[in-house]
Amino acid sequence: NLFQSYFEADEWFHFTYYLPIIDQSNGFITTLFKTFSDADALSRGQHILPIGEEIFFLNTKFFGINFFPYVSISLLLHSINSFLVFLFTKELFNIKSKKQNFKAIIFPLLGGVFFALSPLGMHAVTWAAFYGQNVLSVTFFLLSLISFKVAFNTNRRKFLFLTILFLFLGLLTKESVAVLFLLLPLISIVEKRVFPMKFLLKLFAISL
């Protein structure tokens, strides 16, 4: 039924902001400033989401009020997220064999399928145009978790820095990603000690 739906509510409200500036050469920059200067008008000051707003601006610029591309992008992102859940579950089970049989990946596969069909991902199919930013924030959220788990599985610090990068990309897309500031320290407590605790605390403090 999603493809028989259309724009509603917040989507039309944001169109009134971005349709007048899509042909301006500085439209992208204007959108970035509006994210901060017009936060009260855009969301009653509840959100400052430069990446999310820029994505909606670019969608408006390239797709206008053609509903199909918005929906397609949202579903594509949800499919990617389901695959990322599969990868994250593989990291949880630390499945490294290159010649993997079906039995070895049954739990990661079930995790990805469950996420794909779960109502938790409802934003992928409800208000798909505007809340596509929510779906993208889940992408960054999962990439941050995967990087963090890979860092501990491989003892490579560069994945810790990727974790922080994806965390902040997620925060600039949807602020609910802030839960990682609680989740990542909890994961590090139960993980094997492959990094000095002093280094992890310093990295966390700087990020916070």
Protein backbone atom coordinates (compact mmCIF):
# COMPACT_ATOMS: atom_id res chain seq x y z
CA ASN A 1 0.00 0.00 0.00
CA LEU A 2 2.99 2.31 0.39
CA PHE A 3 3.20 2.97 -3.35
CA GLN A 4 -0.46 4.01 -3.35
CA SER A 5 0.17 6.56 -0.61
CA TYR A 6 1.39 10.14 -0.96
CA PHE A 7 3.03 13.00 0.94
CA GLU A 8 1.44 14.21 4.15
CA ALA A 9 1.88 16.42 7.21
CA ASP A 10 5.54 17.31 7.89
CA GLU A 11 6.52 16.48 4.32
CA TRP A 12 4.34 19.24 2.86
CA PHE A 13 5.50 21.62 5.56
CA HIS A 14 9.14 21.06 4.58
CA PHE A 15 8.31 21.43 0.90
CA THR A 16 7.20 25.00 1.64
CA TYR A 17 10.74 25.62 2.92
CA TYR A 18 12.75 23.91 0.20
CA LEU A 19 10.78 24.17 -3.04
CA PRO A 20 11.45 27.96 -3.26
CA ILE A 21 15.24 27.48 -2.99
CA ILE A 22 15.93 24.36 -5.06
CA ASP A 23 16.94 26.47 -8.08
CA GLN A 24 19.17 28.81 -6.11
CA SER A 25 22.92 28.27 -6.53
CA ASN A 26 23.38 28.57 -2.76
CA GLY A 27 20.39 26.41 -1.91
CA PHE A 28 22.51 23.71 -0.28
CA ILE A 29 24.27 26.26 1.96
CA THR A 30 21.00 28.03 2.72
CA THR A 31 19.51 24.74 3.89
CA LEU A 32 22.47 24.17 6.19
CA PHE A 33 22.01 27.58 7.83
CA LYS A 34 18.23 27.16 8.05
CA THR A 35 18.80 23.96 10.02
CA PHE A 36 20.20 26.13 12.84
CA SER A 37 18.60 29.55 12.33
CA ASP A 38 15.08 28.21 11.64
CA ALA A 39 15.14 25.28 14.06
CA ASP A 40 12.21 26.76 15.98
CA ALA A 41 10.08 27.10 12.85
CA LEU A 42 11.10 23.74 11.38
CA SER A 43 10.59 21.64 14.49
CA ARG A 44 9.72 23.96 17.39
CA GLY A 45 13.38 23.74 18.32
CA GLN A 46 13.22 19.99 18.92
CA HIS A 47 15.68 19.00 16.19
CA ILE A 48 18.91 20.28 14.64
CA LEU A 49 19.63 17.71 11.95
CA PRO A 50 21.80 19.14 9.16
CA ILE A 51 22.32 15.84 7.34
CA GLY A 52 18.63 14.92 7.54
CA GLU A 53 17.56 18.36 6.29
CA GLU A 54 20.13 18.38 3.48
CA ILE A 55 18.88 15.00 2.30
CA PHE A 56 15.32 16.28 2.16
CA PHE A 57 16.52 19.37 0.28
CA LEU A 58 18.41 17.24 -2.28
CA ASN A 59 15.43 14.91 -2.70
CA THR A 60 13.23 17.95 -3.28
CA LYS A 61 15.73 19.38 -5.78
CA PHE A 62 16.04 16.19 -7.84
CA PHE A 63 12.62 14.55 -7.37
CA GLY A 64 10.26 17.45 -6.59
CA ILE A 65 6.90 16.03 -5.52
CA ASN A 66 7.32 12.73 -7.38
CA PHE A 67 6.54 10.28 -4.58
CA PHE A 68 8.07 7.12 -6.09
CA PRO A 69 11.80 7.99 -5.70
CA TYR A 70 11.35 8.94 -2.03
CA VAL A 71 9.70 5.61 -1.29
CA SER A 72 12.27 3.66 -3.28
CA ILE A 73 15.18 5.26 -1.41
CA SER A 74 13.52 4.56 1.94
CA LEU A 75 12.98 0.89 1.09
CA LEU A 76 16.52 0.61 -0.29
CA LEU A 77 17.94 2.00 2.96
CA HIS A 78 15.81 -0.42 4.98
CA SER A 79 17.13 -3.30 2.88
CA ILE A 80 20.70 -2.12 3.50
CA ASN A 81 19.97 -1.86 7.23
CA SER A 82 18.65 -5.42 7.26
CA PHE A 83 21.89 -6.58 5.66
CA LEU A 84 23.87 -4.58 8.23
CA VAL A 85 21.97 -6.38 11.01
CA PHE A 86 23.08 -9.63 9.36
CA LEU A 87 26.71 -8.42 9.38
CA PHE A 88 26.48 -7.20 12.98
CA THR A 89 25.09 -10.53 14.14
CA LYS A 90 27.96 -12.28 12.35
CA GLU A 91 30.38 -10.12 14.31
CA LEU A 92 28.57 -10.93 17.54
CA PHE A 93 29.08 -14.63 16.85
CA ASN A 94 32.56 -13.85 15.48
CA ILE A 95 31.94 -15.92 12.34
CA LYS A 96 35.13 -15.62 10.31
CA SER A 97 35.28 -18.76 8.18
CA LYS A 98 35.52 -17.91 4.48
CA LYS A 99 33.77 -21.17 3.57
CA GLN A 100 30.60 -20.62 5.53
CA ASN A 101 27.87 -23.20 5.39
CA PHE A 102 24.24 -22.39 6.02
CA LYS A 103 24.38 -23.71 9.59
CA ALA A 104 27.12 -21.21 10.46
CA ILE A 105 25.12 -18.18 9.38
CA ILE A 106 21.60 -19.29 10.36
CA PHE A 107 21.39 -16.90 13.35
CA PRO A 108 22.76 -13.84 11.48
CA LEU A 109 20.38 -14.64 8.63
CA LEU A 110 17.41 -14.91 10.99
CA GLY A 111 18.46 -11.62 12.61
CA GLY A 112 18.52 -9.80 9.27
CA VAL A 113 15.17 -11.25 8.15
CA PHE A 114 13.57 -10.50 11.52
CA PHE A 115 14.74 -6.88 11.34
CA ALA A 116 13.52 -6.54 7.73
CA LEU A 117 10.00 -7.66 8.66
CA SER A 118 9.81 -6.23 12.17
CA PRO A 119 7.44 -3.28 12.85
CA LEU A 120 10.41 -1.59 14.54
CA GLY A 121 11.44 -0.39 11.09
CA MET A 122 8.04 1.17 10.43
CA HIS A 123 9.53 4.54 9.42
CA ALA A 124 10.76 2.88 6.23
CA VAL A 125 7.14 2.50 5.10
CA THR A 126 5.27 5.24 7.00
CA TRP A 127 5.90 8.86 6.07
CA ALA A 128 8.65 7.35 3.95
CA ALA A 129 9.64 10.64 2.30
CA PHE A 130 10.28 12.74 5.39
CA TYR A 131 11.25 9.95 7.78
CA GLY A 132 13.77 8.54 5.33
CA GLN A 133 16.26 10.41 7.53
CA ASN A 134 15.26 8.14 10.42
CA VAL A 135 16.06 5.11 8.29
CA LEU A 136 19.45 6.59 7.36
CA SER A 137 20.22 7.30 11.02
CA VAL A 138 19.71 3.57 11.66
CA THR A 139 22.29 2.90 8.91
CA PHE A 140 24.88 5.03 10.71
CA PHE A 141 23.85 3.51 14.05
CA LEU A 142 24.46 -0.02 12.76
CA LEU A 143 27.72 0.94 11.05
CA SER A 144 28.92 2.38 14.36
CA LEU A 145 28.04 -0.84 16.20
CA ILE A 146 29.66 -3.01 13.54
CA SER A 147 32.86 -0.95 13.58
CA PHE A 148 33.00 -1.13 17.37
CA LYS A 149 32.56 -4.90 17.41
CA VAL A 150 35.12 -5.37 14.58
CA ALA A 151 37.61 -3.27 16.56
CA PHE A 152 37.42 -5.70 19.47
CA ASN A 153 37.39 -8.78 17.25
CA THR A 154 40.48 -7.67 15.30
CA ASN A 155 42.29 -5.51 17.90
CA ARG A 156 42.54 -2.64 15.39
CA ARG A 157 42.11 0.89 16.71
CA LYS A 158 41.15 2.41 13.36
CA PHE A 159 37.74 0.79 13.71
CA LEU A 160 37.22 2.67 16.98
CA PHE A 161 37.70 5.93 15.13
CA LEU A 162 35.27 4.75 12.44
CA THR A 163 32.83 4.03 15.25
CA ILE A 164 33.02 7.65 16.41
CA LEU A 165 32.69 8.95 12.84
CA PHE A 166 29.51 6.95 12.22
CA LEU A 167 28.17 7.97 15.64
CA PHE A 168 28.41 11.67 14.77
CA LEU A 169 27.05 11.18 11.26
CA GLY A 170 24.09 9.46 12.89
CA LEU A 171 23.63 12.25 15.44
CA LEU A 172 23.51 14.84 12.65
CA THR A 173 20.85 12.76 10.92
CA LYS A 174 18.62 11.94 13.90
CA GLU A 175 19.42 12.65 17.55
CA SER A 176 18.08 9.28 18.78
CA VAL A 177 21.52 7.87 17.85
CA ALA A 178 22.71 9.47 21.12
CA VAL A 179 21.78 6.18 22.82
CA LEU A 180 25.17 4.93 21.56
CA PHE A 181 26.83 7.04 24.25
CA LEU A 182 25.29 4.58 26.72
CA LEU A 183 25.43 1.44 24.61
CA LEU A 184 29.07 1.54 23.49
CA PRO A 185 30.53 1.80 27.03
CA LEU A 186 28.32 -1.12 28.10
CA ILE A 187 29.61 -3.20 25.20
CA SER A 188 33.21 -2.33 26.06
CA ILE A 189 32.67 -3.53 29.65
CA VAL A 190 31.55 -7.00 28.58
CA GLU A 191 34.10 -7.31 25.76
CA LYS A 192 37.49 -8.93 26.12
CA ARG A 193 40.23 -6.48 27.18
CA VAL A 194 42.06 -5.80 23.92
CA PHE A 195 42.41 -2.03 24.36
CA PRO A 196 43.75 -0.17 27.42
CA MET A 197 40.85 1.12 29.51
CA LYS A 198 42.60 4.50 29.79
CA PHE A 199 42.58 4.84 25.99
CA LEU A 200 38.89 3.91 25.77
CA LEU A 201 37.96 6.38 28.51
CA LYS A 202 39.90 9.16 26.82
CA LEU A 203 38.24 8.43 23.47
CA PHE A 204 34.80 8.38 25.09
CA ALA A 205 35.41 11.63 27.01
CA ILE A 206 36.59 13.48 23.91
CA SER A 207 33.60 12.21 21.91
CA LEU A 208 31.16 13.14 24.64
